[in-house]
Amino acid sequence: MNDVKPSSEDLAIVEQLNNDYVQSDQHNDVKRFSEFLAEDFIVQTPGVTRNRAEFLEYIAKPRPFKDLSVHDVKIRILSDVALIHGRSTYTVLADGSE
């Protein structure tokens, strides 16, 4: 892979996009999601696969959690692709579990 160190500006841009992604999820921001999801976007969660339209419809519904945040985020930029690894935490509204 590309061993060139990404610029601090590139890292800041990807970090902001990741933060936008998380906040858009927490706050049902379908408009923002639609701005940065590719037309061929597919997401897989346990037991469910959604295309872009299905995912945006899902995001429009009230979130079943609150206090979504990310931790231990590591961003790797490989040429024109960025990989983001991290851990998220949230509180489930139904029972208050974390």
PDB file of N, CA and C in Angstrom:
ATOM      1  N   MET A   1       0.834  -1.200   0.000  1.00  0.00           N
ATOM      2  CA  MET A   1       0.000   0.000   0.000  1.00  0.00           C
ATOM      3  C   MET A   1       0.869   1.250   0.000  1.00  0.00           C
ATOM      4  N   ASN A   2       0.234   2.353  -0.057  1.00  0.00           N
ATOM      5  CA  ASN A   2       0.909   3.635  -0.111  1.00  0.00           C
ATOM      6  C   ASN A   2       1.485   3.984   1.258  1.00  0.00           C
ATOM      7  N   ASP A   3       2.803   4.167   1.343  1.00  0.00           N
ATOM      8  CA  ASP A   3       3.448   4.501   2.602  1.00  0.00           C
ATOM      9  C   ASP A   3       3.623   6.005   2.807  1.00  0.00           C
ATOM     10  N   VAL A   4       3.062   6.802   1.907  1.00  0.00           N
ATOM     11  CA  VAL A   4       3.177   8.249   2.010  1.00  0.00           C
ATOM     12  C   VAL A   4       2.307   8.735   3.161  1.00  0.00           C
ATOM     13  N   LYS A   5       2.888   9.555   4.022  1.00  0.00           N
ATOM     14  CA  LYS A   5       2.144  10.081   5.167  1.00  0.00           C
ATOM     15  C   LYS A   5       1.123  11.110   4.684  1.00  0.00           C
ATOM     16  N   PRO A   6      -0.156  10.938   5.070  1.00  0.00           N
ATOM     17  CA  PRO A   6      -1.179  11.909   4.648  1.00  0.00           C
ATOM     18  C   PRO A   6      -0.955  13.256   5.335  1.00  0.00           C
ATOM     19  N   SER A   7      -1.418  14.294   4.692  1.00  0.00           N
ATOM     20  CA  SER A   7      -1.279  15.621   5.279  1.00  0.00           C
ATOM     21  C   SER A   7      -2.221  15.774   6.468  1.00  0.00           C
ATOM     22  N   SER A   8      -1.884  16.681   7.350  1.00  0.00           N
ATOM     23  CA  SER A   8      -2.757  16.943   8.498  1.00  0.00           C
ATOM     24  C   SER A   8      -4.100  17.494   8.021  1.00  0.00           C
ATOM     25  N   GLU A   9      -4.088  18.199   6.894  1.00  0.00           N
ATOM     26  CA  GLU A   9      -5.338  18.716   6.334  1.00  0.00           C
ATOM     27  C   GLU A   9      -6.250  17.570   5.881  1.00  0.00           C
ATOM     28  N   ASP A  10      -5.673  16.573   5.196  1.00  0.00           N
ATOM     29  CA  ASP A  10      -6.461  15.416   4.759  1.00  0.00           C
ATOM     30  C   ASP A  10      -7.036  14.669   5.955  1.00  0.00           C
ATOM     31  N   LEU A  11      -6.224  14.465   6.972  1.00  0.00           N
ATOM     32  CA  LEU A  11      -6.707  13.779   8.174  1.00  0.00           C
ATOM     33  C   LEU A  11      -7.834  14.560   8.840  1.00  0.00           C
ATOM     34  N   ALA A  12      -7.717  15.870   8.890  1.00  0.00           N
ATOM     35  CA  ALA A  12      -8.757  16.708   9.495  1.00  0.00           C
ATOM     36  C   ALA A  12     -10.065  16.616   8.712  1.00  0.00           C
ATOM     37  N   ILE A  13      -9.971  16.573   7.390  1.00  0.00           N
ATOM     38  CA  ILE A  13     -11.170  16.467   6.554  1.00  0.00           C
ATOM     39  C   ILE A  13     -11.873  15.135   6.799  1.00  0.00           C
ATOM     40  N   VAL A  14     -11.115  14.052   6.820  1.00  0.00           N
ATOM     41  CA  VAL A  14     -11.716  12.730   7.035  1.00  0.00           C
ATOM     42  C   VAL A  14     -12.282  12.629   8.451  1.00  0.00           C
ATOM     43  N   GLU A  15     -11.595  13.188   9.423  1.00  0.00           N
ATOM     44  CA  GLU A  15     -12.104  13.185  10.794  1.00  0.00           C
ATOM     45  C   GLU A  15     -13.431  13.934  10.882  1.00  0.00           C
ATOM     46  N   GLN A  16     -13.526  15.079  10.203  1.00  0.00           N
ATOM     47  CA  GLN A  16     -14.780  15.848  10.213  1.00  0.00           C
ATOM     48  C   GLN A  16     -15.905  15.083   9.520  1.00  0.00           C
ATOM     49  N   LEU A  17     -15.595  14.423   8.404  1.00  0.00           N
ATOM     50  CA  LEU A  17     -16.609  13.612   7.719  1.00  0.00           C
ATOM     51  C   LEU A  17     -17.102  12.487   8.628  1.00  0.00           C
ATOM     52  N   ASN A  18     -16.204  11.861   9.360  1.00  0.00           N
ATOM     53  CA  ASN A  18     -16.602  10.800  10.282  1.00  0.00           C
ATOM     54  C   ASN A  18     -17.485  11.362  11.396  1.00  0.00           C
ATOM     55  N   ASN A  19     -17.110  12.515  11.929  1.00  0.00           N
ATOM     56  CA  ASN A  19     -17.942  13.150  12.961  1.00  0.00           C
ATOM     57  C   ASN A  19     -19.318  13.509  12.412  1.00  0.00           C
ATOM     58  N   ASP A  20     -19.369  14.002  11.178  1.00  0.00           N
ATOM     59  CA  ASP A  20     -20.654  14.311  10.537  1.00  0.00           C
ATOM     60  C   ASP A  20     -21.501  13.046  10.410  1.00  0.00           C
ATOM     61  N   TYR A  21     -20.868  11.944  10.045  1.00  0.00           N
ATOM     62  CA  TYR A  21     -21.568  10.664   9.895  1.00  0.00           C
ATOM     63  C   TYR A  21     -22.223  10.263  11.221  1.00  0.00           C
ATOM     64  N   VAL A  22     -21.455  10.339  12.298  1.00  0.00           N
ATOM     65  CA  VAL A  22     -21.963   9.946  13.614  1.00  0.00           C
ATOM     66  C   VAL A  22     -23.088  10.884  14.055  1.00  0.00           C
ATOM     67  N   GLN A  23     -22.894  12.186  13.913  1.00  0.00           N
ATOM     68  CA  GLN A  23     -23.928  13.137  14.322  1.00  0.00           C
ATOM     69  C   GLN A  23     -25.180  13.021  13.457  1.00  0.00           C
ATOM     70  N   SER A  24     -24.995  12.724  12.182  1.00  0.00           N
ATOM     71  CA  SER A  24     -26.147  12.552  11.296  1.00  0.00           C
ATOM     72  C   SER A  24     -26.982  11.362  11.723  1.00  0.00           C
ATOM     73  N   ASP A  25     -26.321  10.314  12.172  1.00  0.00           N
ATOM     74  CA  ASP A  25     -27.025   9.135  12.664  1.00  0.00           C
ATOM     75  C   ASP A  25     -27.801   9.475  13.930  1.00  0.00           C
ATOM     76  N   GLN A  26     -27.149  10.100  14.887  1.00  0.00           N
ATOM     77  CA  GLN A  26     -27.793  10.428  16.160  1.00  0.00           C
ATOM     78  C   GLN A  26     -28.997  11.343  15.975  1.00  0.00           C
ATOM     79  N   HIS A  27     -28.917  12.255  15.019  1.00  0.00           N
ATOM     80  CA  HIS A  27     -29.941  13.294  14.890  1.00  0.00           C
ATOM     81  C   HIS A  27     -30.820  13.183  13.645  1.00  0.00           C
ATOM     82  N   ASN A  28     -30.899  11.998  13.060  1.00  0.00           N
ATOM     83  CA  ASN A  28     -31.787  11.759  11.902  1.00  0.00           C
ATOM     84  C   ASN A  28     -31.538  12.717  10.747  1.00  0.00           C
ATOM     85  N   ASP A  29     -30.312  13.088  10.501  1.00  0.00           N
ATOM     86  CA  ASP A  29     -30.011  14.073   9.469  1.00  0.00           C
ATOM     87  C   ASP A  29     -29.877  13.399   8.099  1.00  0.00           C
ATOM     88  N   VAL A  30     -31.024  13.087   7.514  1.00  0.00           N
ATOM     89  CA  VAL A  30     -31.074  12.394   6.224  1.00  0.00           C
ATOM     90  C   VAL A  30     -30.422  13.256   5.140  1.00  0.00           C
ATOM     91  N   LYS A  31     -30.634  14.552   5.181  1.00  0.00           N
ATOM     92  CA  LYS A  31     -30.050  15.435   4.162  1.00  0.00           C
ATOM     93  C   LYS A  31     -28.531  15.318   4.156  1.00  0.00           C
ATOM     94  N   ARG A  32     -27.910  15.369   5.331  1.00  0.00           N
ATOM     95  CA  ARG A  32     -26.445  15.279   5.394  1.00  0.00           C
ATOM     96  C   ARG A  32     -25.969  13.910   4.932  1.00  0.00           C
ATOM     97  N   PHE A  33     -26.637  12.859   5.377  1.00  0.00           N
ATOM     98  CA  PHE A  33     -26.263  11.522   4.922  1.00  0.00           C
ATOM     99  C   PHE A  33     -26.329  11.433   3.406  1.00  0.00           C
ATOM    100  N   SER A  34     -27.365  11.974   2.820  1.00  0.00           N
ATOM    101  CA  SER A  34     -27.523  11.871   1.367  1.00  0.00           C
ATOM    102  C   SER A  34     -26.406  12.606   0.628  1.00  0.00           C
ATOM    103  N   GLU A  35     -25.764  13.564   1.289  1.00  0.00           N
ATOM    104  CA  GLU A  35     -24.667  14.301   0.671  1.00  0.00           C
ATOM    105  C   GLU A  35     -23.376  13.498   0.592  1.00  0.00           C
ATOM    106  N   PHE A  36     -23.173  12.565   1.516  1.00  0.00           N
ATOM    107  CA  PHE A  36     -21.905  11.852   1.465  1.00  0.00           C
ATOM    108  C   PHE A  36     -21.993  10.349   1.265  1.00  0.00           C
ATOM    109  N   LEU A  37     -23.167   9.818   1.012  1.00  0.00           N
ATOM    110  CA  LEU A  37     -23.283   8.396   0.682  1.00  0.00           C
ATOM    111  C   LEU A  37     -23.246   8.214  -0.831  1.00  0.00           C
ATOM    112  N   ALA A  38     -22.445   7.279  -1.299  1.00  0.00           N
ATOM    113  CA  ALA A  38     -22.366   6.980  -2.729  1.00  0.00           C
ATOM    114  C   ALA A  38     -23.694   6.409  -3.207  1.00  0.00           C
ATOM    115  N   GLU A  39     -23.953   6.545  -4.484  1.00  0.00           N
ATOM    116  CA  GLU A  39     -25.192   6.007  -5.063  1.00  0.00           C
ATOM    117  C   GLU A  39     -25.279   4.492  -4.881  1.00  0.00           C
ATOM    118  N   ASP A  40     -24.135   3.793  -4.875  1.00  0.00           N
ATOM    119  CA  ASP A  40     -24.139   2.336  -4.729  1.00  0.00           C
ATOM    120  C   ASP A  40     -23.850   1.899  -3.284  1.00  0.00           C
ATOM    121  N   PHE A  41     -24.065   2.808  -2.318  1.00  0.00           N
ATOM    122  CA  PHE A  41     -23.842   2.526  -0.899  1.00  0.00           C
ATOM    123  C   PHE A  41     -24.644   1.312  -0.453  1.00  0.00           C
ATOM    124  N   ILE A  42     -23.990   0.467   0.340  1.00  0.00           N
ATOM    125  CA  ILE A  42     -24.642  -0.682   0.980  1.00  0.00           C
ATOM    126  C   ILE A  42     -24.097  -0.757   2.399  1.00  0.00           C
ATOM    127  N   VAL A  43     -24.979  -0.979   3.360  1.00  0.00           N
ATOM    128  CA  VAL A  43     -24.551  -1.156   4.739  1.00  0.00           C
ATOM    129  C   VAL A  43     -25.072  -2.495   5.240  1.00  0.00           C
ATOM    130  N   GLN A  44     -24.228  -3.165   6.009  1.00  0.00           N
ATOM    131  CA  GLN A  44     -24.630  -4.437   6.617  1.00  0.00           C
ATOM    132  C   GLN A  44     -24.522  -4.304   8.121  1.00  0.00           C
ATOM    133  N   THR A  45     -25.617  -4.582   8.782  1.00  0.00           N
ATOM    134  CA  THR A  45     -25.656  -4.651  10.238  1.00  0.00           C
ATOM    135  C   THR A  45     -26.140  -6.055  10.580  1.00  0.00           C
ATOM    136  N   PRO A  46     -26.024  -6.474  11.818  1.00  0.00           N
ATOM    137  CA  PRO A  46     -26.427  -7.845  12.132  1.00  0.00           C
ATOM    138  C   PRO A  46     -27.830  -8.186  11.614  1.00  0.00           C
ATOM    139  N   GLY A  47     -27.880  -9.096  10.650  1.00  0.00           N
ATOM    140  CA  GLY A  47     -29.143  -9.585  10.128  1.00  0.00           C
ATOM    141  C   GLY A  47     -29.816  -8.737   9.066  1.00  0.00           C
ATOM    142  N   VAL A  48     -29.230  -7.580   8.721  1.00  0.00           N
ATOM    143  CA  VAL A  48     -29.888  -6.677   7.779  1.00  0.00           C
ATOM    144  C   VAL A  48     -28.866  -6.091   6.798  1.00  0.00           C
ATOM    145  N   THR A  49     -29.232  -6.080   5.521  1.00  0.00           N
ATOM    146  CA  THR A  49     -28.455  -5.382   4.501  1.00  0.00           C
ATOM    147  C   THR A  49     -29.363  -4.332   3.880  1.00  0.00           C
ATOM    148  N   ARG A  50     -28.882  -3.093   3.803  1.00  0.00           N
ATOM    149  CA  ARG A  50     -29.679  -2.006   3.239  1.00  0.00           C
ATOM    150  C   ARG A  50     -28.906  -1.303   2.128  1.00  0.00           C
ATOM    151  N   ASN A  51     -29.622  -0.928   1.057  1.00  0.00           N
ATOM    152  CA  ASN A  51     -29.012  -0.091   0.028  1.00  0.00           C
ATOM    153  C   ASN A  51     -29.160   1.369   0.469  1.00  0.00           C
ATOM    154  N   ARG A  52     -28.721   2.284  -0.371  1.00  0.00           N
ATOM    155  CA  ARG A  52     -28.720   3.706  -0.019  1.00  0.00           C
ATOM    156  C   ARG A  52     -30.119   4.200   0.339  1.00  0.00           C
ATOM    157  N   ALA A  53     -31.102   3.943  -0.510  1.00  0.00           N
ATOM    158  CA  ALA A  53     -32.466   4.423  -0.269  1.00  0.00           C
ATOM    159  C   ALA A  53     -33.045   3.820   1.014  1.00  0.00           C
ATOM    160  N   GLU A  54     -32.829   2.541   1.211  1.00  0.00           N
ATOM    161  CA  GLU A  54     -33.339   1.878   2.418  1.00  0.00           C
ATOM    162  C   GLU A  54     -32.660   2.431   3.666  1.00  0.00           C
ATOM    163  N   PHE A  55     -31.367   2.707   3.567  1.00  0.00           N
ATOM    164  CA  PHE A  55     -30.647   3.244   4.711  1.00  0.00           C
ATOM    165  C   PHE A  55     -31.137   4.649   5.048  1.00  0.00           C
ATOM    166  N   LEU A  56     -31.328   5.489   4.042  1.00  0.00           N
ATOM    167  CA  LEU A  56     -31.826   6.847   4.301  1.00  0.00           C
ATOM    168  C   LEU A  56     -33.222   6.816   4.915  1.00  0.00           C
ATOM    169  N   GLU A  57     -34.042   5.880   4.471  1.00  0.00           N
ATOM    170  CA  GLU A  57     -35.375   5.707   5.064  1.00  0.00           C
ATOM    171  C   GLU A  57     -35.260   5.283   6.532  1.00  0.00           C
ATOM    172  N   TYR A  58     -34.321   4.398   6.797  1.00  0.00           N
ATOM    173  CA  TYR A  58     -34.069   3.937   8.167  1.00  0.00           C
ATOM    174  C   TYR A  58     -33.578   5.086   9.054  1.00  0.00           C
ATOM    175  N   ILE A  59     -32.671   5.896   8.539  1.00  0.00           N
ATOM    176  CA  ILE A  59     -32.119   7.019   9.307  1.00  0.00           C
ATOM    177  C   ILE A  59     -33.196   8.050   9.631  1.00  0.00           C
ATOM    178  N   ALA A  60     -34.198   8.170   8.781  1.00  0.00           N
ATOM    179  CA  ALA A  60     -35.267   9.152   9.004  1.00  0.00           C
ATOM    180  C   ALA A  60     -36.133   8.806  10.209  1.00  0.00           C
ATOM    181  N   LYS A  61     -36.109   7.543  10.618  1.00  0.00           N
ATOM    182  CA  LYS A  61     -36.931   7.106  11.754  1.00  0.00           C
ATOM    183  C   LYS A  61     -36.269   7.516  13.066  1.00  0.00           C
ATOM    184  N   PRO A  62     -37.069   7.703  14.120  1.00  0.00           N
ATOM    185  CA  PRO A  62     -36.480   8.051  15.421  1.00  0.00           C
ATOM    186  C   PRO A  62     -35.418   7.032  15.829  1.00  0.00           C
ATOM    187  N   ARG A  63     -34.316   7.538  16.314  1.00  0.00           N
ATOM    188  CA  ARG A  63     -33.207   6.685  16.713  1.00  0.00           C
ATOM    189  C   ARG A  63     -33.562   5.942  17.995  1.00  0.00           C
ATOM    190  N   PRO A  64     -33.197   4.662  18.104  1.00  0.00           N
ATOM    191  CA  PRO A  64     -33.495   3.877  19.301  1.00  0.00           C
ATOM    192  C   PRO A  64     -32.434   4.047  20.392  1.00  0.00           C
ATOM    193  N   PHE A  65     -31.618   5.080  20.269  1.00  0.00           N
ATOM    194  CA  PHE A  65     -30.520   5.301  21.210  1.00  0.00           C
ATOM    195  C   PHE A  65     -30.274   6.795  21.377  1.00  0.00           C
ATOM    196  N   LYS A  66     -29.455   7.131  22.359  1.00  0.00           N
ATOM    197  CA  LYS A  66     -29.017   8.512  22.569  1.00  0.00           C
ATOM    198  C   LYS A  66     -27.546   8.475  22.984  1.00  0.00           C
ATOM    199  N   ASP A  67     -26.953   9.639  23.043  1.00  0.00           N
ATOM    200  CA  ASP A  67     -25.568   9.781  23.508  1.00  0.00           C
ATOM    201  C   ASP A  67     -24.570   8.978  22.678  1.00  0.00           C
ATOM    202  N   LEU A  68     -24.791   8.912  21.376  1.00  0.00           N
ATOM    203  CA  LEU A  68     -23.864   8.209  20.492  1.00  0.00           C
ATOM    204  C   LEU A  68     -22.539   8.959  20.448  1.00  0.00           C
ATOM    205  N   SER A  69     -21.459   8.246  20.697  1.00  0.00           N
ATOM    206  CA  SER A  69     -20.134   8.853  20.574  1.00  0.00           C
ATOM    207  C   SER A  69     -19.137   7.796  20.112  1.00  0.00           C
ATOM    208  N   VAL A  70     -18.026   8.279  19.572  1.00  0.00           N
ATOM    209  CA  VAL A  70     -16.994   7.380  19.067  1.00  0.00           C
ATOM    210  C   VAL A  70     -15.729   7.538  19.901  1.00  0.00           C
ATOM    211  N   HIS A  71     -14.984   6.448  19.979  1.00  0.00           N
ATOM    212  CA  HIS A  71     -13.766   6.409  20.790  1.00  0.00           C
ATOM    213  C   HIS A  71     -12.674   5.664  20.032  1.00  0.00           C
ATOM    214  N   ASP A  72     -11.457   5.938  20.394  1.00  0.00           N
ATOM    215  CA  ASP A  72     -10.308   5.214  19.844  1.00  0.00           C
ATOM    216  C   ASP A  72     -10.314   5.205  18.317  1.00  0.00           C
ATOM    217  N   VAL A  73     -10.661   6.331  17.731  1.00  0.00           N
ATOM    218  CA  VAL A  73     -10.742   6.427  16.276  1.00  0.00           C
ATOM    219  C   VAL A  73      -9.336   6.457  15.680  1.00  0.00           C
ATOM    220  N   LYS A  74      -9.124   5.603  14.707  1.00  0.00           N
ATOM    221  CA  LYS A  74      -7.870   5.561  13.968  1.00  0.00           C
ATOM    222  C   LYS A  74      -8.197   5.712  12.487  1.00  0.00           C
ATOM    223  N   ILE A  75      -7.596   6.694  11.862  1.00  0.00           N
ATOM    224  CA  ILE A  75      -7.832   6.962  10.446  1.00  0.00           C
ATOM    225  C   ILE A  75      -6.563   6.625   9.677  1.00  0.00           C
ATOM    226  N   ARG A  76      -6.748   5.832   8.623  1.00  0.00           N
ATOM    227  CA  ARG A  76      -5.637   5.518   7.722  1.00  0.00           C
ATOM    228  C   ARG A  76      -6.040   5.960   6.331  1.00  0.00           C
ATOM    229  N   ILE A  77      -5.222   6.781   5.733  1.00  0.00           N
ATOM    230  CA  ILE A  77      -5.466   7.217   4.363  1.00  0.00           C
ATOM    231  C   ILE A  77      -4.498   6.468   3.463  1.00  0.00           C
ATOM    232  N   LEU A  78      -5.063   5.720   2.523  1.00  0.00           N
ATOM    233  CA  LEU A  78      -4.291   4.917   1.586  1.00  0.00           C
ATOM    234  C   LEU A  78      -4.597   5.426   0.182  1.00  0.00           C
ATOM    235  N   SER A  79      -3.767   6.315  -0.304  1.00  0.00           N
ATOM    236  CA  SER A  79      -3.972   6.927  -1.612  1.00  0.00           C
ATOM    237  C   SER A  79      -5.287   7.707  -1.587  1.00  0.00           C
ATOM    238  N   ASP A  80      -6.295   7.266  -2.367  1.00  0.00           N
ATOM    239  CA  ASP A  80      -7.565   8.002  -2.392  1.00  0.00           C
ATOM    240  C   ASP A  80      -8.667   7.294  -1.607  1.00  0.00           C
ATOM    241  N   VAL A  81      -8.272   6.410  -0.686  1.00  0.00           N
ATOM    242  CA  VAL A  81      -9.220   5.679   0.164  1.00  0.00           C
ATOM    243  C   VAL A  81      -8.845   5.924   1.619  1.00  0.00           C
ATOM    244  N   ALA A  82      -9.856   6.123   2.458  1.00  0.00           N
ATOM    245  CA  ALA A  82      -9.611   6.265   3.896  1.00  0.00           C
ATOM    246  C   ALA A  82     -10.312   5.136   4.627  1.00  0.00           C
ATOM    247  N   LEU A  83      -9.599   4.535   5.559  1.00  0.00           N
ATOM    248  CA  LEU A  83     -10.175   3.511   6.429  1.00  0.00           C
ATOM    249  C   LEU A  83     -10.280   4.104   7.827  1.00  0.00           C
ATOM    250  N   ILE A  84     -11.453   3.950   8.417  1.00  0.00           N
ATOM    251  CA  ILE A  84     -11.687   4.485   9.756  1.00  0.00           C
ATOM    252  C   ILE A  84     -12.074   3.327  10.659  1.00  0.00           C
ATOM    253  N   HIS A  85     -11.307   3.170  11.715  1.00  0.00           N
ATOM    254  CA  HIS A  85     -11.605   2.145  12.717  1.00  0.00           C
ATOM    255  C   HIS A  85     -11.866   2.867  14.033  1.00  0.00           C
ATOM    256  N   GLY A  86     -12.820   2.357  14.769  1.00  0.00           N
ATOM    257  CA  GLY A  86     -13.111   2.969  16.050  1.00  0.00           C
ATOM    258  C   GLY A  86     -14.144   2.165  16.798  1.00  0.00           C
ATOM    259  N   ARG A  87     -14.505   2.673  17.940  1.00  0.00           N
ATOM    260  CA  ARG A  87     -15.489   2.033  18.808  1.00  0.00           C
ATOM    261  C   ARG A  87     -16.558   3.059  19.108  1.00  0.00           C
ATOM    262  N   SER A  88     -17.807   2.630  19.101  1.00  0.00           N
ATOM    263  CA  SER A  88     -18.886   3.557  19.426  1.00  0.00           C
ATOM    264  C   SER A  88     -19.623   3.084  20.669  1.00  0.00           C
ATOM    265  N   THR A  89     -20.140   4.051  21.398  1.00  0.00           N
ATOM    266  CA  THR A  89     -20.970   3.756  22.565  1.00  0.00           C
ATOM    267  C   THR A  89     -22.241   4.588  22.461  1.00  0.00           C
ATOM    268  N   TYR A  90     -23.293   4.095  23.100  1.00  0.00           N
ATOM    269  CA  TYR A  90     -24.566   4.795  23.108  1.00  0.00           C
ATOM    270  C   TYR A  90     -25.429   4.192  24.212  1.00  0.00           C
ATOM    271  N   THR A  91     -26.514   4.866  24.517  1.00  0.00           N
ATOM    272  CA  THR A  91     -27.474   4.393  25.502  1.00  0.00           C
ATOM    273  C   THR A  91     -28.748   3.992  24.771  1.00  0.00           C
ATOM    274  N   VAL A  92     -29.205   2.772  25.001  1.00  0.00           N
ATOM    275  CA  VAL A  92     -30.432   2.271  24.385  1.00  0.00           C
ATOM    276  C   VAL A  92     -31.617   2.904  25.101  1.00  0.00           C
ATOM    277  N   LEU A  93     -32.507   3.528  24.346  1.00  0.00           N
ATOM    278  CA  LEU A  93     -33.639   4.230  24.953  1.00  0.00           C
ATOM    279  C   LEU A  93     -34.625   3.279  25.629  1.00  0.00           C
ATOM    280  N   ALA A  94     -34.818   2.096  25.066  1.00  0.00           N
ATOM    281  CA  ALA A  94     -35.819   1.164  25.590  1.00  0.00           C
ATOM    282  C   ALA A  94     -35.556   0.746  27.024  1.00  0.00           C
ATOM    283  N   ASP A  95     -34.273   0.552  27.355  1.00  0.00           N
ATOM    284  CA  ASP A  95     -34.000   0.054  28.704  1.00  0.00           C
ATOM    285  C   ASP A  95     -32.866   0.789  29.423  1.00  0.00           C
ATOM    286  N   GLY A  96     -32.270   1.788  28.774  1.00  0.00           N
ATOM    287  CA  GLY A  96     -31.216   2.566  29.394  1.00  0.00           C
ATOM    288  C   GLY A  96     -29.853   1.896  29.429  1.00  0.00           C
ATOM    289  N   SER A  97     -29.742   0.721  28.808  1.00  0.00           N
ATOM    290  CA  SER A  97     -28.433   0.038  28.829  1.00  0.00           C
ATOM    291  C   SER A  97     -27.456   0.742  27.894  1.00  0.00           C
ATOM    292  N   GLU A  98     -26.180   0.557  28.194  1.00  0.00           N
ATOM    293  CA  GLU A  98     -25.132   1.159  27.370  1.00  0.00           C
ATOM    294  C   GLU A  98     -24.500   0.116  26.490  1.00  0.00           C
TER     295      GLU A  98
END
